[in-house]
Amino acid sequence: MSYLLVEHADVLVTMDVNRREIKDGALLAEGNRIVHISDTVEMQLYLHQYNIKPDETINAKGTVILPGLINCHHHLYQTLTRTLGTAGGLSLFDWLKTLYPVWGQMDAESVYTSAKLGLVELILSGATTVADHLYLFPNGSRLDDEIAAAQELGVRFHPTRGSMSLGESKGGLPPDNICDTEEHILNDSQRVIEQFHDTDDFSMCRIGPAPCSPFSVTADLMKQSAEMARAYEAVNLHTHLAETIDENRFCLEKYGKRPVEYMESLNWLGDDVWFAHMVHPDEDEVKKLAHSCSGVCHCPSSNMILASGIAPIRQMVDADVRVGLGVDGSASNDGNQMLGEVRQAMLLQRVGWPGFESNAGRFSARDALELATLGGAKVLNRKDTGSLEVDKAADLIAFRIDDLHHAGGQSDKVASLLSCAPTGVWLSVINGRIIVQNGELLNVDIENLVIKHNQLAHEMLVKAGVA
């Protein structure tokens, strides 16, 4: 087993139970597991004591090291349609109706290529674990296509097998031609769980069923998906919920219940469930989320671009709701910048609240970083990631803070990662493997990936009649 030593970090942020931040920090990994964390002087004593000679040593002077960031909600295929709809300022339902016909032109190649491009961008911005929600499968595309891209890149991946079955003819939002039969949805969900789901510690792939939303699937599919997931070990459930006022209104009109109450009636609350967005819960719903240990993924940029509202993250965190962060769809963001999303989460919780004039301290940089690390691990039910501790996965990132963007931000080098302009990682280690070194993603031809991706994106627009 090989040893990797990273030493001399200006600050190493552990996110452990004591939230230690170690100056001149050092970390030693054996294979994919962390075996020691300390300052660099003590690390040298440890290496001498146990006669360990690292196979590779990285001098991280001038950087801040963090646990790898965890992206709890994404739609990687949407990199193909960035700015379409958002450029004109559409809100969620109108935006979806504009894009559904374009997404209906996807095939296996475009799903694979868009996933690879989106994951590259995420990795370079600090993500080491990514949960994705792929919920339409036109022209022979499958969840397998994006799993292949993640495996090639070496990112820790939580793909969810999404679905839409409630078309316009049945009172839903999506057109009928991109919906699927519920029998096929359930059969294929079972197939990908049995083929790809790995429950082991340090697992690189875990699957979850993810019926898309209350306005695109039936109650019966939600119930059957929950029953199927709970027949397997460590299979979590995911969906969108309470994203907009329109969605709340839809649930009340169609089901006679607010979104969280509707989910409760379908047996969709619990520590194996996480919801994307949760922008518009009321006080009782926040309590219900906390009591049931249900998770929430906050997607601040998407919520702002689509004018969905500001999720009450401060209230949810204070109520002990499990909360993580997500970039969301690359066509409702329109990027894959994970550190940037952490910054947006920090900023958004400081404005728009009663008495906001005095709320500058309402959400700190460390509060936001905790959501993106420990918070994300809790939402995805990962006990092996989210913090830098002995026996946890060797998932770590380093950002330079001795560069142009952070000049003058030396009083608090950790906070400067968010108060200053977000940058790309200098180092990324995922499962003990160096994925990014000196700011460069190893073994990926990004230039040709972009060319291929743009070609596929243009072909989709032409086929849909919008180019």
Protein backbone atom coordinates (compact mmCIF):
# COMPACT_ATOMS: atom_id res chain seq x y z
CA MET A 1 0.00 0.00 0.00
CA SER A 2 1.44 3.40 -0.98
CA TYR A 3 1.68 6.47 1.25
CA LEU A 4 0.82 10.02 0.22
CA LEU A 5 2.02 12.90 2.39
CA VAL A 6 0.70 16.45 2.06
CA GLU A 7 2.53 18.88 4.34
CA HIS A 8 3.14 22.54 5.16
CA ALA A 9 -0.40 23.74 4.41
CA ASP A 10 -0.91 27.22 5.83
CA VAL A 11 -4.14 25.92 7.38
CA LEU A 12 -5.61 22.41 7.34
CA VAL A 13 -9.36 22.51 8.09
CA THR A 14 -10.38 19.15 9.56
CA MET A 15 -14.14 19.65 10.17
CA ASP A 16 -13.73 17.10 12.95
CA VAL A 17 -15.85 17.15 16.10
CA ASN A 18 -13.70 19.96 17.53
CA ARG A 19 -13.52 21.79 14.18
CA ARG A 20 -9.73 21.90 14.43
CA GLU A 21 -7.85 24.13 12.04
CA ILE A 22 -4.16 23.18 12.03
CA LYS A 23 -1.48 25.67 11.06
CA ASP A 24 1.40 24.24 9.03
CA GLY A 25 -0.91 21.27 8.60
CA ALA A 26 -0.02 17.84 7.30
CA LEU A 27 -1.97 14.74 6.31
CA LEU A 28 -0.80 11.20 5.63
CA ALA A 29 -2.87 8.76 3.59
CA GLU A 30 -2.23 5.06 3.18
CA GLY A 31 -4.02 4.01 0.02
CA ASN A 32 -7.50 5.50 0.19
CA ARG A 33 -7.51 5.96 3.99
CA ILE A 34 -6.24 8.80 6.20
CA VAL A 35 -3.83 7.46 8.81
CA HIS A 36 -2.50 10.62 10.50
CA ILE A 37 -3.21 14.34 10.72
CA SER A 38 -1.12 16.89 12.61
CA ASP A 39 1.13 19.87 12.09
CA THR A 40 4.15 19.23 9.90
CA VAL A 41 6.69 19.03 12.75
CA GLU A 42 4.68 16.38 14.58
CA MET A 43 4.10 14.54 11.29
CA GLN A 44 7.86 14.15 10.79
CA LEU A 45 8.12 12.61 14.25
CA TYR A 46 5.28 10.23 13.42
CA LEU A 47 6.94 9.15 10.16
CA HIS A 48 10.23 8.55 11.98
CA GLN A 49 8.55 6.63 14.81
CA TYR A 50 6.84 4.19 12.44
CA ASN A 51 9.61 4.18 9.83
CA ILE A 52 7.26 5.37 7.08
CA LYS A 53 8.74 6.69 3.86
CA PRO A 54 6.01 8.33 1.76
CA ASP A 55 5.85 7.31 -1.88
CA GLU A 56 4.83 10.87 -2.79
CA THR A 57 5.17 14.12 -0.83
CA ILE A 58 3.39 17.35 -1.74
CA ASN A 59 4.48 20.68 -0.31
CA ALA A 60 1.21 22.59 0.21
CA LYS A 61 2.73 25.82 1.53
CA GLY A 62 0.56 28.78 0.49
CA THR A 63 -2.67 26.79 0.54
CA VAL A 64 -5.69 25.99 2.66
CA ILE A 65 -6.60 22.30 2.76
CA LEU A 66 -10.25 21.27 3.20
CA PRO A 67 -12.23 18.05 3.13
CA GLY A 68 -13.45 17.47 -0.42
CA LEU A 69 -16.66 19.36 -1.16
CA ILE A 70 -19.86 17.33 -1.55
CA ASN A 71 -22.40 18.28 -4.20
CA CYS A 72 -25.75 16.79 -3.17
CA HIS A 73 -27.88 17.69 -6.20
CA HIS A 74 -27.11 18.15 -9.88
CA HIS A 75 -28.37 17.54 -13.41
CA LEU A 76 -25.18 17.00 -15.36
CA TYR A 77 -26.92 16.61 -18.73
CA GLN A 78 -28.01 20.24 -18.52
CA THR A 79 -24.51 21.47 -19.41
CA LEU A 80 -25.80 20.95 -22.96
CA THR A 81 -28.39 23.74 -22.61
CA ARG A 82 -26.75 26.47 -20.55
CA THR A 83 -28.39 29.92 -20.80
CA LEU A 84 -31.44 28.56 -22.65
CA GLY A 85 -34.35 29.98 -20.68
CA THR A 86 -32.25 31.60 -17.99
CA ALA A 87 -31.01 34.23 -20.46
CA GLY A 88 -34.59 35.43 -20.88
CA GLY A 89 -35.41 35.32 -17.18
CA LEU A 90 -37.93 32.46 -17.13
CA SER A 91 -39.23 31.03 -13.87
CA LEU A 92 -39.23 27.30 -13.12
CA PHE A 93 -42.38 26.00 -14.82
CA ASP A 94 -41.94 28.13 -17.98
CA TRP A 95 -38.23 27.29 -18.04
CA LEU A 96 -38.98 23.55 -17.88
CA LYS A 97 -41.60 23.74 -20.64
CA THR A 98 -39.06 25.53 -22.85
CA LEU A 99 -36.34 22.96 -22.23
CA TYR A 100 -38.23 19.66 -22.19
CA PRO A 101 -38.37 19.42 -26.02
CA VAL A 102 -34.62 20.11 -26.29
CA TRP A 103 -33.70 17.54 -23.66
CA GLY A 104 -35.85 15.07 -25.55
CA GLN A 105 -33.16 15.10 -28.28
CA MET A 106 -30.48 13.61 -26.00
CA ASP A 107 -28.91 10.23 -26.63
CA ALA A 108 -26.37 8.03 -24.86
CA GLU A 109 -23.38 9.94 -26.27
CA SER A 110 -24.70 13.32 -25.16
CA VAL A 111 -25.51 12.04 -21.65
CA TYR A 112 -22.00 10.59 -21.30
CA THR A 113 -20.24 13.67 -22.73
CA SER A 114 -22.24 16.21 -20.75
CA ALA A 115 -21.69 14.24 -17.54
CA LYS A 116 -17.96 14.11 -18.15
CA LEU A 117 -17.74 17.83 -18.89
CA GLY A 118 -19.85 18.79 -15.87
CA LEU A 119 -17.86 16.52 -13.56
CA VAL A 120 -14.58 17.98 -14.82
CA GLU A 121 -15.79 21.46 -13.98
CA LEU A 122 -17.02 20.33 -10.56
CA ILE A 123 -13.76 18.58 -9.70
CA LEU A 124 -11.75 21.65 -10.65
CA SER A 125 -13.95 23.74 -8.34
CA GLY A 126 -13.47 21.48 -5.30
CA ALA A 127 -16.08 18.72 -5.53
CA THR A 128 -14.90 15.21 -4.71
CA THR A 129 -18.35 13.64 -4.23
CA VAL A 130 -21.24 14.36 -6.61
CA ALA A 131 -24.88 13.29 -6.49
CA ASP A 132 -26.64 13.57 -9.82
CA HIS A 133 -30.33 13.41 -10.76
CA LEU A 134 -30.95 12.13 -14.29
CA TYR A 135 -34.70 11.88 -14.81
CA LEU A 136 -35.31 11.48 -18.55
CA PHE A 137 -33.84 8.86 -20.84
CA PRO A 138 -34.65 9.55 -24.50
CA ASN A 139 -33.17 7.76 -27.51
CA GLY A 140 -31.66 4.81 -25.68
CA SER A 141 -29.76 6.80 -23.03
CA ARG A 142 -29.30 5.16 -19.61
CA LEU A 143 -27.94 5.99 -16.18
CA ASP A 144 -25.00 3.77 -17.12
CA ASP A 145 -23.78 6.47 -19.52
CA GLU A 146 -23.02 9.02 -16.82
CA ILE A 147 -21.71 6.36 -14.43
CA ALA A 148 -19.11 5.50 -17.09
CA ALA A 149 -17.98 9.13 -17.20
CA ALA A 150 -17.64 9.30 -13.39
CA GLN A 151 -15.66 6.08 -13.27
CA GLU A 152 -13.22 7.37 -15.87
CA LEU A 153 -12.61 10.55 -13.87
CA GLY A 154 -12.36 8.88 -10.45
CA VAL A 155 -14.96 11.04 -8.70
CA ARG A 156 -17.07 9.64 -5.85
CA PHE A 157 -20.51 9.38 -7.44
CA HIS A 158 -24.11 9.14 -6.20
CA PRO A 159 -26.19 8.93 -9.40
CA THR A 160 -29.93 8.76 -8.85
CA ARG A 161 -32.25 7.03 -11.29
CA GLY A 162 -34.80 9.76 -11.84
CA SER A 163 -38.09 9.43 -13.68
CA MET A 164 -41.12 11.22 -15.07
CA SER A 165 -44.42 9.38 -15.59
CA LEU A 166 -47.07 12.09 -15.14
CA GLY A 167 -47.34 13.73 -18.57
CA GLU A 168 -49.50 16.64 -19.66
CA SER A 169 -52.39 14.36 -20.61
CA LYS A 170 -52.54 13.16 -16.99
CA GLY A 171 -52.31 16.62 -15.42
CA GLY A 172 -48.53 16.77 -15.08
CA LEU A 173 -46.06 19.31 -16.44
CA PRO A 174 -43.79 17.40 -18.89
CA PRO A 175 -44.91 16.40 -22.39
CA ASP A 176 -46.06 12.81 -22.69
CA ASN A 177 -43.34 11.84 -25.18
CA ILE A 178 -40.50 12.21 -22.64
CA CYS A 179 -42.32 10.35 -19.87
CA ASP A 180 -41.94 6.64 -19.27
CA THR A 181 -44.11 3.80 -18.03
CA GLU A 182 -43.93 3.18 -14.31
CA GLU A 183 -43.28 -0.52 -14.87
CA HIS A 184 -40.14 0.28 -16.88
CA ILE A 185 -39.03 2.94 -14.37
CA LEU A 186 -39.21 0.51 -11.46
CA ASN A 187 -37.57 -2.33 -13.40
CA ASP A 188 -34.70 -0.15 -14.55
CA SER A 189 -34.26 1.35 -11.08
CA GLN A 190 -33.92 -2.15 -9.70
CA ARG A 191 -31.46 -3.03 -12.47
CA VAL A 192 -29.07 -0.14 -11.76
CA ILE A 193 -29.21 -0.73 -8.00
CA GLU A 194 -28.28 -4.37 -8.44
CA GLN A 195 -25.63 -3.63 -11.05
CA PHE A 196 -23.88 -0.56 -9.60
CA HIS A 197 -24.85 0.09 -5.95
CA ASP A 198 -21.89 -0.44 -3.59
CA THR A 199 -22.50 -0.29 0.18
CA ASP A 200 -18.87 -0.82 1.23
CA ASP A 201 -16.88 1.81 3.11
CA PHE A 202 -15.20 4.22 0.68
CA SER A 203 -17.71 3.18 -2.00
CA MET A 204 -17.29 5.10 -5.25
CA CYS A 205 -20.85 4.54 -6.50
CA ARG A 206 -24.18 4.47 -4.72
CA ILE A 207 -27.54 4.49 -6.48
CA GLY A 208 -30.90 5.90 -5.41
CA PRO A 209 -34.37 6.04 -6.99
CA ALA A 210 -35.42 9.64 -7.66
CA PRO A 211 -38.92 10.25 -9.07
CA CYS A 212 -38.54 13.78 -10.36
CA SER A 213 -41.14 15.90 -8.55
CA PRO A 214 -44.76 16.05 -7.35
CA PHE A 215 -45.75 17.55 -10.71
CA SER A 216 -44.11 14.90 -12.92
CA VAL A 217 -44.75 11.51 -11.25
CA THR A 218 -47.74 9.77 -9.68
CA ALA A 219 -48.28 9.04 -6.01
CA ASP A 220 -48.18 5.33 -6.81
CA LEU A 221 -44.71 5.58 -8.34
CA MET A 222 -43.46 7.49 -5.28
CA LYS A 223 -44.79 4.78 -2.96
CA GLN A 224 -43.43 1.88 -5.00
CA SER A 225 -40.02 3.58 -5.34
CA ALA A 226 -39.78 3.93 -1.56
CA GLU A 227 -40.76 0.30 -1.02
CA MET A 228 -38.18 -0.89 -3.55
CA ALA A 229 -35.37 1.27 -2.13
CA ARG A 230 -35.96 0.04 1.39
CA ALA A 231 -35.66 -3.56 0.26
CA TYR A 232 -31.94 -2.90 -0.31
CA GLU A 233 -29.12 -1.78 1.98
CA ALA A 234 -28.20 1.91 2.16
CA VAL A 235 -30.28 2.95 -0.86
CA ASN A 236 -31.48 6.52 -0.37
CA LEU A 237 -34.44 8.33 -1.95
CA HIS A 238 -34.30 11.70 -3.66
CA THR A 239 -36.68 14.18 -5.29
CA HIS A 240 -37.33 17.91 -5.78
CA LEU A 241 -39.65 19.48 -3.24
CA ALA A 242 -41.08 22.89 -2.28
CA GLU A 243 -38.93 24.63 -4.87
CA THR A 244 -41.46 27.34 -5.84
CA ILE A 245 -44.72 28.88 -4.75
CA ASP A 246 -46.23 27.37 -7.92
CA GLU A 247 -45.26 23.90 -6.71
CA ASN A 248 -46.85 24.50 -3.31
CA ARG A 249 -50.00 25.65 -5.10
CA PHE A 250 -49.92 22.59 -7.41
CA CYS A 251 -49.71 20.20 -4.43
CA LEU A 252 -52.58 21.91 -2.61
CA GLU A 253 -54.80 21.92 -5.70
CA LYS A 254 -54.02 18.39 -6.90
CA TYR A 255 -53.42 16.52 -3.64
CA GLY A 256 -55.01 18.74 -0.99
CA LYS A 257 -51.73 18.88 0.94
CA ARG A 258 -48.64 21.04 1.18
CA PRO A 259 -45.50 19.39 -0.26
CA VAL A 260 -43.99 18.01 2.97
CA GLU A 261 -47.35 16.70 4.16
CA TYR A 262 -47.84 15.08 0.75
CA MET A 263 -44.44 13.38 1.02
CA GLU A 264 -45.31 12.17 4.50
CA SER A 265 -48.50 10.55 3.16
CA LEU A 266 -46.36 8.62 0.64
CA ASN A 267 -43.89 7.38 3.30
CA TRP A 268 -41.26 9.72 1.88
CA LEU A 269 -39.87 11.17 5.10
CA GLY A 270 -36.93 9.64 6.97
CA ASP A 271 -33.17 9.49 7.32
CA ASP A 272 -32.95 7.72 3.94
CA VAL A 273 -34.61 10.64 2.09
CA TRP A 274 -33.22 13.95 0.88
CA PHE A 275 -35.02 16.73 -0.95
CA ALA A 276 -33.59 19.26 -3.38
CA HIS A 277 -34.40 22.95 -2.76
CA MET A 278 -36.97 23.20 0.09
CA VAL A 279 -37.31 26.91 -0.59
CA HIS A 280 -40.82 27.33 0.80
CA PRO A 281 -41.40 25.22 3.92
CA ASP A 282 -43.43 26.69 6.74
CA GLU A 283 -42.42 26.46 10.40
CA ASP A 284 -44.28 23.20 11.00
CA GLU A 285 -42.69 21.61 7.94
CA VAL A 286 -39.21 22.54 9.15
CA LYS A 287 -39.99 20.82 12.46
CA LYS A 288 -41.30 17.78 10.58
CA LEU A 289 -38.13 17.58 8.49
CA ALA A 290 -35.99 17.73 11.62
CA HIS A 291 -38.09 15.21 13.57
CA SER A 292 -38.03 12.72 10.69
CA CYS A 293 -34.28 13.27 10.03
CA SER A 294 -35.05 14.01 6.37
CA GLY A 295 -32.29 15.76 4.42
CA VAL A 296 -32.34 18.97 2.37
CA CYS A 297 -30.03 20.10 -0.42
CA HIS A 298 -29.81 23.88 -0.79
CA CYS A 299 -29.17 25.16 -4.34
CA PRO A 300 -28.77 28.94 -3.96
CA SER A 301 -27.69 30.00 -7.47
CA SER A 302 -30.43 28.04 -9.21
CA ASN A 303 -33.03 29.40 -6.82
CA MET A 304 -31.87 32.93 -7.61
CA ILE A 305 -31.64 32.54 -11.40
CA LEU A 306 -35.14 31.05 -11.60
CA ALA A 307 -36.44 33.57 -9.02
CA SER A 308 -37.71 30.69 -6.88
CA GLY A 309 -36.97 32.39 -3.56
CA ILE A 310 -34.53 32.13 -0.66
CA ALA A 311 -34.54 28.87 1.29
CA PRO A 312 -34.58 29.39 5.09
CA ILE A 313 -31.30 27.55 5.64
CA ARG A 314 -30.41 29.33 8.88
CA GLN A 315 -33.72 28.24 10.42
CA MET A 316 -33.33 24.68 9.15
CA VAL A 317 -29.77 24.34 10.45
CA ASP A 318 -30.82 25.76 13.83
CA ALA A 319 -33.67 23.23 13.93
CA ASP A 320 -31.17 20.38 13.30
CA VAL A 321 -32.36 19.55 9.81
CA ARG A 322 -29.67 17.74 7.81
CA VAL A 323 -28.64 20.31 5.17
CA GLY A 324 -26.10 20.08 2.36
CA LEU A 325 -25.34 22.08 -0.78
CA GLY A 326 -25.87 21.46 -4.48
CA VAL A 327 -25.00 23.25 -7.69
CA ASP A 328 -28.24 21.98 -9.32
CA GLY A 329 -28.74 21.81 -13.06
CA SER A 330 -26.09 23.38 -15.21
CA ALA A 331 -28.91 25.03 -17.17
CA SER A 332 -30.37 26.68 -14.08
CA ASN A 333 -27.11 27.91 -12.65
CA ASP A 334 -25.44 28.03 -15.41
CA GLY A 335 -22.22 26.57 -14.10
CA ASN A 336 -20.60 23.77 -12.16
CA GLN A 337 -18.59 25.84 -9.65
CA MET A 338 -18.89 24.15 -6.27
CA LEU A 339 -16.83 26.62 -4.25
CA GLY A 340 -18.84 29.40 -5.86
CA GLU A 341 -22.02 27.72 -4.64
CA VAL A 342 -20.64 27.67 -1.09
CA ARG A 343 -20.03 31.41 -1.36
CA GLN A 344 -23.57 32.01 -2.64
CA ALA A 345 -24.99 30.05 0.28
CA MET A 346 -23.08 32.27 2.71
CA LEU A 347 -24.21 35.47 1.01
CA LEU A 348 -27.84 34.55 0.45
CA GLN A 349 -28.50 33.80 4.12
CA ARG A 350 -27.41 37.33 5.01
CA VAL A 351 -30.08 39.18 3.03
CA GLY A 352 -33.83 39.30 2.65
CA TRP A 353 -34.76 38.46 6.23
CA PRO A 354 -36.62 40.52 8.88
CA GLY A 355 -34.16 42.91 10.46
CA PHE A 356 -31.69 42.23 7.65
CA GLU A 357 -29.84 45.46 8.38
CA SER A 358 -28.08 43.67 11.26
CA ASN A 359 -27.75 40.23 9.64
CA ALA A 360 -24.25 40.42 8.20
CA GLY A 361 -23.14 37.81 10.74
CA ARG A 362 -26.14 35.58 10.19
CA PHE A 363 -24.21 32.97 8.19
CA SER A 364 -20.42 32.77 8.30
CA ALA A 365 -17.90 31.36 5.85
CA ARG A 366 -17.35 28.41 8.15
CA ASP A 367 -21.11 27.81 8.40
CA ALA A 368 -21.24 27.55 4.60
CA LEU A 369 -18.12 25.36 4.36
CA GLU A 370 -19.62 23.02 6.94
CA LEU A 371 -22.73 22.59 4.78
CA ALA A 372 -20.54 21.67 1.81
CA THR A 373 -18.51 19.09 3.73
CA LEU A 374 -20.00 17.59 6.89
CA GLY A 375 -23.50 18.64 5.88
CA GLY A 376 -23.26 16.95 2.51
CA ALA A 377 -21.89 13.75 4.05
CA LYS A 378 -24.83 13.63 6.46
CA VAL A 379 -27.36 14.24 3.70
CA LEU A 380 -25.91 11.39 1.62
CA ASN A 381 -25.50 9.17 4.70
CA ARG A 382 -21.74 8.94 4.26
CA LYS A 383 -19.80 8.32 7.48
CA ASP A 384 -16.52 7.97 5.59
CA THR A 385 -16.33 11.46 4.07
CA GLY A 386 -17.06 15.09 4.99
CA SER A 387 -14.16 15.62 7.39
CA LEU A 388 -10.44 14.96 7.51
CA GLU A 389 -9.98 12.40 10.27
CA VAL A 390 -8.05 9.20 10.81
CA ASP A 391 -9.74 6.21 9.13
CA LYS A 392 -11.89 8.38 6.89
CA ALA A 393 -11.55 8.49 3.11
CA ALA A 394 -8.60 10.40 1.71
CA ASP A 395 -10.76 13.01 -0.06
CA LEU A 396 -9.07 16.40 0.26
CA ILE A 397 -8.64 19.59 -1.70
CA ALA A 398 -6.27 22.54 -1.50
CA PHE A 399 -6.80 26.10 -2.69
CA ARG A 400 -3.95 28.56 -3.07
CA ILE A 401 -4.30 31.67 -0.92
CA ASP A 402 -0.97 33.27 -1.90
CA ASP A 403 -2.26 34.27 -5.35
CA LEU A 404 -3.69 37.41 -6.94
CA HIS A 405 -7.28 36.66 -5.90
CA HIS A 406 -6.46 36.38 -2.18
CA ALA A 407 -3.83 39.10 -1.87
CA GLY A 408 -4.54 41.03 1.33
CA GLY A 409 -6.82 38.34 2.72
CA GLN A 410 -4.28 36.99 5.19
CA SER A 411 -6.14 37.83 8.41
CA ASP A 412 -8.44 34.82 7.99
CA LYS A 413 -7.16 32.52 5.27
CA VAL A 414 -10.05 30.08 5.60
CA ALA A 415 -12.75 32.74 5.27
CA SER A 416 -10.89 34.33 2.35
CA LEU A 417 -11.84 31.30 0.24
CA LEU A 418 -15.41 32.61 0.25
CA SER A 419 -15.10 36.33 0.92
CA CYS A 420 -12.71 36.65 -2.03
CA ALA A 421 -13.55 35.51 -5.55
CA PRO A 422 -13.93 31.71 -5.82
CA THR A 423 -11.03 30.01 -7.59
CA GLY A 424 -10.15 26.52 -8.77
CA VAL A 425 -8.41 23.85 -6.75
CA TRP A 426 -4.63 23.58 -6.77
CA LEU A 427 -4.81 20.01 -5.51
CA SER A 428 -7.58 17.40 -5.40
CA VAL A 429 -7.18 13.94 -3.95
CA ILE A 430 -10.14 11.56 -4.24
CA ASN A 431 -10.05 8.16 -2.57
CA GLY A 432 -6.31 8.55 -2.13
CA ARG A 433 -5.66 9.29 -5.83
CA ILE A 434 -4.27 12.62 -7.02
CA ILE A 435 -6.83 13.88 -9.54
CA VAL A 436 -5.76 17.54 -9.79
CA GLN A 437 -2.17 18.66 -9.28
CA ASN A 438 -0.83 22.21 -9.64
CA GLY A 439 -4.29 23.25 -10.79
CA GLU A 440 -4.31 20.80 -13.72
CA LEU A 441 -6.73 17.90 -14.08
CA LEU A 442 -4.63 14.86 -14.86
CA ASN A 443 -5.22 12.59 -17.87
CA VAL A 444 -8.17 14.49 -19.38
CA ASP A 445 -8.11 16.29 -22.73
CA ILE A 446 -10.39 19.17 -21.75
CA GLU A 447 -10.02 21.06 -25.04
CA ASN A 448 -11.35 18.20 -27.16
CA LEU A 449 -14.01 17.36 -24.57
CA VAL A 450 -15.38 20.91 -24.89
CA ILE A 451 -15.35 20.73 -28.69
CA LYS A 452 -17.26 17.46 -28.70
CA HIS A 453 -19.70 18.69 -26.07
CA ASN A 454 -20.49 21.88 -28.00
CA GLN A 455 -21.02 19.91 -31.18
CA LEU A 456 -23.57 17.68 -29.45
CA ALA A 457 -25.24 20.68 -27.82
CA HIS A 458 -25.62 22.42 -31.21
CA GLU A 459 -27.07 19.29 -32.81
CA MET A 460 -29.68 19.06 -30.04
CA LEU A 461 -30.72 22.68 -30.53
CA VAL A 462 -31.03 22.19 -34.29
CA LYS A 463 -33.16 19.06 -33.87
CA ALA A 464 -35.39 20.87 -31.40
CA GLY A 465 -35.78 23.81 -33.79
CA VAL A 466 -34.29 26.45 -31.49
CA ALA A 467 -30.98 27.03 -33.30
